[in-house]
Amino acid sequence: MELVQSDKDQGLETPVWTEYQKLIDEAEHKKIKMAQMERFAYYERAKKAYAVVATGETALYGNLILKKGVIAGQQ
């Protein structure tokens, strides 16, 4: 979810996004493009999720949607 305007105006930093990017890139062994979406668009997208996992993450803007594609079989 992208920053709301008041947080942008305050210059809020979101180090959790950098950490997520690092973890995802390492897991995939390549750079994965992450996108941000407006707050209410995020909520609408989350309503359609197959599963919602509630964690103990307390970082501001620490919420994200993961999308899984087809996983090719091992040869």
PDB file of N, CA and C in Angstrom:
ATOM      1  N   MET A   1       0.853  -1.166   0.000  1.00  0.00           N
ATOM      2  CA  MET A   1       0.000   0.000   0.000  1.00  0.00           C
ATOM      3  C   MET A   1       0.900   1.229   0.000  1.00  0.00           C
ATOM      4  N   GLU A   2       0.597   2.168  -0.872  1.00  0.00           N
ATOM      5  CA  GLU A   2       1.418   3.374  -0.919  1.00  0.00           C
ATOM      6  C   GLU A   2       1.079   4.291   0.247  1.00  0.00           C
ATOM      7  N   LEU A   3       1.980   5.194   0.525  1.00  0.00           N
ATOM      8  CA  LEU A   3       1.774   6.133   1.620  1.00  0.00           C
ATOM      9  C   LEU A   3       0.562   7.012   1.358  1.00  0.00           C
ATOM     10  N   VAL A   4      -0.200   7.295   2.407  1.00  0.00           N
ATOM     11  CA  VAL A   4      -1.273   8.277   2.283  1.00  0.00           C
ATOM     12  C   VAL A   4      -0.628   9.656   2.237  1.00  0.00           C
ATOM     13  N   GLN A   5      -1.354  10.642   1.731  1.00  0.00           N
ATOM     14  CA  GLN A   5      -0.775  11.961   1.497  1.00  0.00           C
ATOM     15  C   GLN A   5      -0.181  12.580   2.759  1.00  0.00           C
ATOM     16  N   SER A   6      -0.839  12.437   3.896  1.00  0.00           N
ATOM     17  CA  SER A   6      -0.314  13.046   5.124  1.00  0.00           C
ATOM     18  C   SER A   6       1.036  12.441   5.509  1.00  0.00           C
ATOM     19  N   ASP A   7       1.221  11.155   5.270  1.00  0.00           N
ATOM     20  CA  ASP A   7       2.512  10.523   5.560  1.00  0.00           C
ATOM     21  C   ASP A   7       3.568  10.952   4.549  1.00  0.00           C
ATOM     22  N   LYS A   8       3.167  11.135   3.289  1.00  0.00           N
ATOM     23  CA  LYS A   8       4.092  11.669   2.282  1.00  0.00           C
ATOM     24  C   LYS A   8       4.548  13.064   2.682  1.00  0.00           C
ATOM     25  N   ASP A   9       3.593  13.897   3.110  1.00  0.00           N
ATOM     26  CA  ASP A   9       3.896  15.279   3.499  1.00  0.00           C
ATOM     27  C   ASP A   9       4.867  15.339   4.674  1.00  0.00           C
ATOM     28  N   GLN A  10       4.784  14.368   5.572  1.00  0.00           N
ATOM     29  CA  GLN A  10       5.670  14.318   6.740  1.00  0.00           C
ATOM     30  C   GLN A  10       7.015  13.685   6.417  1.00  0.00           C
ATOM     31  N   GLY A  11       7.152  13.146   5.214  1.00  0.00           N
ATOM     32  CA  GLY A  11       8.406  12.496   4.832  1.00  0.00           C
ATOM     33  C   GLY A  11       8.618  11.162   5.528  1.00  0.00           C
ATOM     34  N   LEU A  12       7.530  10.471   5.837  1.00  0.00           N
ATOM     35  CA  LEU A  12       7.620   9.175   6.519  1.00  0.00           C
ATOM     36  C   LEU A  12       8.454   8.199   5.703  1.00  0.00           C
ATOM     37  N   GLU A  13       9.372   7.529   6.353  1.00  0.00           N
ATOM     38  CA  GLU A  13      10.188   6.510   5.696  1.00  0.00           C
ATOM     39  C   GLU A  13       9.631   5.134   6.031  1.00  0.00           C
ATOM     40  N   THR A  14       9.818   4.207   5.112  1.00  0.00           N
ATOM     41  CA  THR A  14       9.280   2.852   5.284  1.00  0.00           C
ATOM     42  C   THR A  14      10.389   1.824   5.075  1.00  0.00           C
ATOM     43  N   PRO A  15      11.275   1.675   6.058  1.00  0.00           N
ATOM     44  CA  PRO A  15      12.381   0.723   5.907  1.00  0.00           C
ATOM     45  C   PRO A  15      11.918  -0.716   5.728  1.00  0.00           C
ATOM     46  N   VAL A  16      10.717  -1.037   6.153  1.00  0.00           N
ATOM     47  CA  VAL A  16      10.219  -2.406   5.994  1.00  0.00           C
ATOM     48  C   VAL A  16      10.116  -2.767   4.513  1.00  0.00           C
ATOM     49  N   TRP A  17       9.835  -1.799   3.645  1.00  0.00           N
ATOM     50  CA  TRP A  17       9.741  -2.089   2.211  1.00  0.00           C
ATOM     51  C   TRP A  17      11.086  -2.534   1.660  1.00  0.00           C
ATOM     52  N   THR A  18      12.158  -1.893   2.098  1.00  0.00           N
ATOM     53  CA  THR A  18      13.502  -2.279   1.657  1.00  0.00           C
ATOM     54  C   THR A  18      13.816  -3.695   2.123  1.00  0.00           C
ATOM     55  N   GLU A  19      13.435  -4.006   3.341  1.00  0.00           N
ATOM     56  CA  GLU A  19      13.677  -5.349   3.883  1.00  0.00           C
ATOM     57  C   GLU A  19      12.874  -6.400   3.119  1.00  0.00           C
ATOM     58  N   TYR A  20      11.605  -6.110   2.849  1.00  0.00           N
ATOM     59  CA  TYR A  20      10.790  -7.043   2.064  1.00  0.00           C
ATOM     60  C   TYR A  20      11.409  -7.269   0.687  1.00  0.00           C
ATOM     61  N   GLN A  21      11.828  -6.189   0.024  1.00  0.00           N
ATOM     62  CA  GLN A  21      12.416  -6.309  -1.313  1.00  0.00           C
ATOM     63  C   GLN A  21      13.650  -7.198  -1.272  1.00  0.00           C
ATOM     64  N   LYS A  22      14.483  -6.991  -0.265  1.00  0.00           N
ATOM     65  CA  LYS A  22      15.707  -7.786  -0.121  1.00  0.00           C
ATOM     66  C   LYS A  22      15.375  -9.271   0.064  1.00  0.00           C
ATOM     67  N   LEU A  23      14.442  -9.572   0.942  1.00  0.00           N
ATOM     68  CA  LEU A  23      14.069 -10.962   1.211  1.00  0.00           C
ATOM     69  C   LEU A  23      13.472 -11.645  -0.019  1.00  0.00           C
ATOM     70  N   ILE A  24      12.615 -10.943  -0.730  1.00  0.00           N
ATOM     71  CA  ILE A  24      11.980 -11.519  -1.915  1.00  0.00           C
ATOM     72  C   ILE A  24      13.003 -11.753  -3.013  1.00  0.00           C
ATOM     73  N   ASP A  25      13.866 -10.770  -3.254  1.00  0.00           N
ATOM     74  CA  ASP A  25      14.900 -10.916  -4.287  1.00  0.00           C
ATOM     75  C   ASP A  25      15.838 -12.081  -3.972  1.00  0.00           C
ATOM     76  N   GLU A  26      16.215 -12.218  -2.708  1.00  0.00           N
ATOM     77  CA  GLU A  26      17.095 -13.322  -2.311  1.00  0.00           C
ATOM     78  C   GLU A  26      16.402 -14.670  -2.502  1.00  0.00           C
ATOM     79  N   ALA A  27      15.137 -14.748  -2.150  1.00  0.00           N
ATOM     80  CA  ALA A  27      14.404 -16.010  -2.277  1.00  0.00           C
ATOM     81  C   ALA A  27      14.239 -16.422  -3.737  1.00  0.00           C
ATOM     82  N   GLU A  28      14.076 -15.460  -4.609  1.00  0.00           N
ATOM     83  CA  GLU A  28      13.852 -15.747  -6.031  1.00  0.00           C
ATOM     84  C   GLU A  28      15.141 -15.765  -6.847  1.00  0.00           C
ATOM     85  N   HIS A  29      16.239 -15.360  -6.242  1.00  0.00           N
ATOM     86  CA  HIS A  29      17.538 -15.288  -6.924  1.00  0.00           C
ATOM     87  C   HIS A  29      17.506 -14.354  -8.126  1.00  0.00           C
ATOM     88  N   LYS A  30      16.641 -13.360  -8.051  1.00  0.00           N
ATOM     89  CA  LYS A  30      16.567 -12.327  -9.091  1.00  0.00           C
ATOM     90  C   LYS A  30      15.761 -11.156  -8.540  1.00  0.00           C
ATOM     91  N   LYS A  31      15.839 -10.032  -9.232  1.00  0.00           N
ATOM     92  CA  LYS A  31      15.109  -8.833  -8.824  1.00  0.00           C
ATOM     93  C   LYS A  31      13.633  -9.003  -9.177  1.00  0.00           C
ATOM     94  N   ILE A  32      12.774  -8.842  -8.194  1.00  0.00           N
ATOM     95  CA  ILE A  32      11.332  -8.940  -8.385  1.00  0.00           C
ATOM     96  C   ILE A  32      10.735  -7.545  -8.246  1.00  0.00           C
ATOM     97  N   LYS A  33       9.921  -7.158  -9.224  1.00  0.00           N
ATOM     98  CA  LYS A  33       9.303  -5.834  -9.188  1.00  0.00           C
ATOM     99  C   LYS A  33       8.139  -5.841  -8.206  1.00  0.00           C
ATOM    100  N   MET A  34       8.183  -4.905  -7.281  1.00  0.00           N
ATOM    101  CA  MET A  34       7.085  -4.744  -6.334  1.00  0.00           C
ATOM    102  C   MET A  34       6.342  -3.466  -6.702  1.00  0.00           C
ATOM    103  N   ALA A  35       5.038  -3.481  -6.533  1.00  0.00           N
ATOM    104  CA  ALA A  35       4.212  -2.319  -6.873  1.00  0.00           C
ATOM    105  C   ALA A  35       3.482  -1.832  -5.630  1.00  0.00           C
ATOM    106  N   GLN A  36       3.111  -0.575  -5.659  1.00  0.00           N
ATOM    107  CA  GLN A  36       2.322   0.000  -4.578  1.00  0.00           C
ATOM    108  C   GLN A  36       0.953   0.354  -5.131  1.00  0.00           C
ATOM    109  N   MET A  37      -0.029   0.344  -4.268  1.00  0.00           N
ATOM    110  CA  MET A  37      -1.362   0.755  -4.699  1.00  0.00           C
ATOM    111  C   MET A  37      -1.988   1.648  -3.638  1.00  0.00           C
ATOM    112  N   GLU A  38      -2.903   2.458  -4.078  1.00  0.00           N
ATOM    113  CA  GLU A  38      -3.608   3.396  -3.205  1.00  0.00           C
ATOM    114  C   GLU A  38      -4.323   2.616  -2.094  1.00  0.00           C
ATOM    115  N   ARG A  39      -4.442   3.248  -0.952  1.00  0.00           N
ATOM    116  CA  ARG A  39      -4.959   2.604   0.257  1.00  0.00           C
ATOM    117  C   ARG A  39      -6.274   1.850   0.045  1.00  0.00           C
ATOM    118  N   PHE A  40      -7.289   2.513  -0.509  1.00  0.00           N
ATOM    119  CA  PHE A  40      -8.592   1.862  -0.637  1.00  0.00           C
ATOM    120  C   PHE A  40      -8.597   0.814  -1.748  1.00  0.00           C
ATOM    121  N   ALA A  41      -7.775   0.995  -2.761  1.00  0.00           N
ATOM    122  CA  ALA A  41      -7.609  -0.039  -3.792  1.00  0.00           C
ATOM    123  C   ALA A  41      -6.973  -1.276  -3.159  1.00  0.00           C
ATOM    124  N   TYR A  42      -6.032  -1.058  -2.242  1.00  0.00           N
ATOM    125  CA  TYR A  42      -5.400  -2.169  -1.521  1.00  0.00           C
ATOM    126  C   TYR A  42      -6.456  -2.947  -0.729  1.00  0.00           C
ATOM    127  N   TYR A  43      -7.308  -2.226  -0.011  1.00  0.00           N
ATOM    128  CA  TYR A  43      -8.340  -2.896   0.786  1.00  0.00           C
ATOM    129  C   TYR A  43      -9.273  -3.725  -0.101  1.00  0.00           C
ATOM    130  N   GLU A  44      -9.660  -3.180  -1.252  1.00  0.00           N
ATOM    131  CA  GLU A  44     -10.533  -3.914  -2.168  1.00  0.00           C
ATOM    132  C   GLU A  44      -9.839  -5.164  -2.701  1.00  0.00           C
ATOM    133  N   ARG A  45      -8.568  -5.034  -3.032  1.00  0.00           N
ATOM    134  CA  ARG A  45      -7.803  -6.189  -3.531  1.00  0.00           C
ATOM    135  C   ARG A  45      -7.678  -7.252  -2.436  1.00  0.00           C
ATOM    136  N   ALA A  46      -7.441  -6.820  -1.206  1.00  0.00           N
ATOM    137  CA  ALA A  46      -7.302  -7.760  -0.087  1.00  0.00           C
ATOM    138  C   ALA A  46      -8.600  -8.529   0.164  1.00  0.00           C
ATOM    139  N   LYS A  47      -9.741  -7.900  -0.090  1.00  0.00           N
ATOM    140  CA  LYS A  47     -11.027  -8.577   0.090  1.00  0.00           C
ATOM    141  C   LYS A  47     -11.156  -9.790  -0.824  1.00  0.00           C
ATOM    142  N   LYS A  48     -10.459  -9.764  -1.956  1.00  0.00           N
ATOM    143  CA  LYS A  48     -10.561 -10.835  -2.948  1.00  0.00           C
ATOM    144  C   LYS A  48      -9.465 -11.888  -2.790  1.00  0.00           C
ATOM    145  N   ALA A  49      -8.646 -11.754  -1.765  1.00  0.00           N
ATOM    146  CA  ALA A  49      -7.524 -12.676  -1.566  1.00  0.00           C
ATOM    147  C   ALA A  49      -8.019 -14.080  -1.228  1.00  0.00           C
ATOM    148  N   TYR A  50      -7.269 -15.074  -1.672  1.00  0.00           N
ATOM    149  CA  TYR A  50      -7.579 -16.467  -1.350  1.00  0.00           C
ATOM    150  C   TYR A  50      -7.419 -16.709   0.147  1.00  0.00           C
ATOM    151  N   ALA A  51      -6.373 -16.130   0.714  1.00  0.00           N
ATOM    152  CA  ALA A  51      -6.097 -16.289   2.142  1.00  0.00           C
ATOM    153  C   ALA A  51      -5.520 -14.991   2.687  1.00  0.00           C
ATOM    154  N   VAL A  52      -5.836 -14.701   3.921  1.00  0.00           N
ATOM    155  CA  VAL A  52      -5.270 -13.548   4.615  1.00  0.00           C
ATOM    156  C   VAL A  52      -4.530 -14.085   5.831  1.00  0.00           C
ATOM    157  N   VAL A  53      -3.283 -13.679   5.972  1.00  0.00           N
ATOM    158  CA  VAL A  53      -2.459 -14.125   7.092  1.00  0.00           C
ATOM    159  C   VAL A  53      -2.187 -12.924   7.988  1.00  0.00           C
ATOM    160  N   ALA A  54      -2.611 -13.008   9.231  1.00  0.00           N
ATOM    161  CA  ALA A  54      -2.344 -11.949  10.200  1.00  0.00           C
ATOM    162  C   ALA A  54      -1.069 -12.313  10.947  1.00  0.00           C
ATOM    163  N   THR A  55      -0.093 -11.419  10.912  1.00  0.00           N
ATOM    164  CA  THR A  55       1.180 -11.665  11.590  1.00  0.00           C
ATOM    165  C   THR A  55       1.351 -10.677  12.730  1.00  0.00           C
ATOM    166  N   GLY A  56       2.445 -10.759  13.401  1.00  0.00           N
ATOM    167  CA  GLY A  56       2.754  -9.829  14.477  1.00  0.00           C
ATOM    168  C   GLY A  56       3.538  -8.617  13.998  1.00  0.00           C
ATOM    169  N   GLU A  57       3.630  -8.425  12.672  1.00  0.00           N
ATOM    170  CA  GLU A  57       4.389  -7.296  12.121  1.00  0.00           C
ATOM    171  C   GLU A  57       3.815  -5.983  12.638  1.00  0.00           C
ATOM    172  N   THR A  58       4.673  -5.140  13.188  1.00  0.00           N
ATOM    173  CA  THR A  58       4.218  -3.862  13.737  1.00  0.00           C
ATOM    174  C   THR A  58       4.735  -2.660  12.958  1.00  0.00           C
ATOM    175  N   ALA A  59       5.530  -2.894  11.926  1.00  0.00           N
ATOM    176  CA  ALA A  59       6.080  -1.785  11.140  1.00  0.00           C
ATOM    177  C   ALA A  59       4.969  -1.068  10.384  1.00  0.00           C
ATOM    178  N   LEU A  60       5.074   0.254  10.321  1.00  0.00           N
ATOM    179  CA  LEU A  60       4.125   1.019   9.522  1.00  0.00           C
ATOM    180  C   LEU A  60       4.230   0.585   8.069  1.00  0.00           C
ATOM    181  N   TYR A  61       3.100   0.422   7.426  1.00  0.00           N
ATOM    182  CA  TYR A  61       3.031  -0.007   6.028  1.00  0.00           C
ATOM    183  C   TYR A  61       3.715  -1.359   5.830  1.00  0.00           C
ATOM    184  N   GLY A  62       3.620  -2.221   6.819  1.00  0.00           N
ATOM    185  CA  GLY A  62       4.212  -3.552   6.737  1.00  0.00           C
ATOM    186  C   GLY A  62       3.277  -4.575   6.111  1.00  0.00           C
ATOM    187  N   ASN A  63       2.178  -4.109   5.546  1.00  0.00           N
ATOM    188  CA  ASN A  63       1.223  -5.015   4.915  1.00  0.00           C
ATOM    189  C   ASN A  63       1.544  -5.164   3.430  1.00  0.00           C
ATOM    190  N   LEU A  64       1.344  -6.373   2.911  1.00  0.00           N
ATOM    191  CA  LEU A  64       1.589  -6.596   1.496  1.00  0.00           C
ATOM    192  C   LEU A  64       0.726  -7.735   0.988  1.00  0.00           C
ATOM    193  N   ILE A  65       0.562  -7.761  -0.319  1.00  0.00           N
ATOM    194  CA  ILE A  65      -0.169  -8.832  -0.989  1.00  0.00           C
ATOM    195  C   ILE A  65       0.843  -9.603  -1.819  1.00  0.00           C
ATOM    196  N   LEU A  66       0.894 -10.905  -1.613  1.00  0.00           N
ATOM    197  CA  LEU A  66       1.772 -11.768  -2.404  1.00  0.00           C
ATOM    198  C   LEU A  66       0.922 -12.485  -3.445  1.00  0.00           C
ATOM    199  N   LYS A  67       1.425 -12.559  -4.648  1.00  0.00           N
ATOM    200  CA  LYS A  67       0.719 -13.249  -5.729  1.00  0.00           C
ATOM    201  C   LYS A  67       1.591 -14.396  -6.206  1.00  0.00           C
ATOM    202  N   LYS A  68       1.035 -15.597  -6.186  1.00  0.00           N
ATOM    203  CA  LYS A  68       1.771 -16.780  -6.611  1.00  0.00           C
ATOM    204  C   LYS A  68       1.291 -17.190  -7.992  1.00  0.00           C
ATOM    205  N   GLY A  69       2.242 -17.460  -8.841  1.00  0.00           N
ATOM    206  CA  GLY A  69       1.912 -17.977 -10.164  1.00  0.00           C
ATOM    207  C   GLY A  69       2.109 -19.480 -10.182  1.00  0.00           C
ATOM    208  N   VAL A  70       2.168 -20.033 -11.349  1.00  0.00           N
ATOM    209  CA  VAL A  70       2.403 -21.465 -11.511  1.00  0.00           C
ATOM    210  C   VAL A  70       3.847 -21.778 -11.148  1.00  0.00           C
ATOM    211  N   ILE A  71       4.041 -22.836 -10.383  1.00  0.00           N
ATOM    212  CA  ILE A  71       5.384 -23.277 -10.019  1.00  0.00           C
ATOM    213  C   ILE A  71       5.716 -24.485 -10.885  1.00  0.00           C
ATOM    214  N   ALA A  72       6.727 -24.335 -11.732  1.00  0.00           N
ATOM    215  CA  ALA A  72       7.121 -25.427 -12.626  1.00  0.00           C
ATOM    216  C   ALA A  72       7.694 -26.586 -11.819  1.00  0.00           C
ATOM    217  N   GLY A  73       7.415 -27.807 -12.267  1.00  0.00           N
ATOM    218  CA  GLY A  73       7.926 -28.990 -11.588  1.00  0.00           C
ATOM    219  C   GLY A  73       9.431 -29.125 -11.730  1.00  0.00           C
ATOM    220  N   GLN A  74      10.043 -29.790 -10.769  1.00  0.00           N
ATOM    221  CA  GLN A  74      11.486 -30.039 -10.808  1.00  0.00           C
ATOM    222  C   GLN A  74      11.773 -31.147 -11.803  1.00  0.00           C
ATOM    223  N   GLN A  75      12.835 -31.011 -12.564  1.00  0.00           N
ATOM    224  CA  GLN A  75      13.210 -32.023 -13.559  1.00  0.00           C
ATOM    225  C   GLN A  75      14.351 -32.848 -13.045  1.00  0.00           C
TER     226      GLN A  75
END
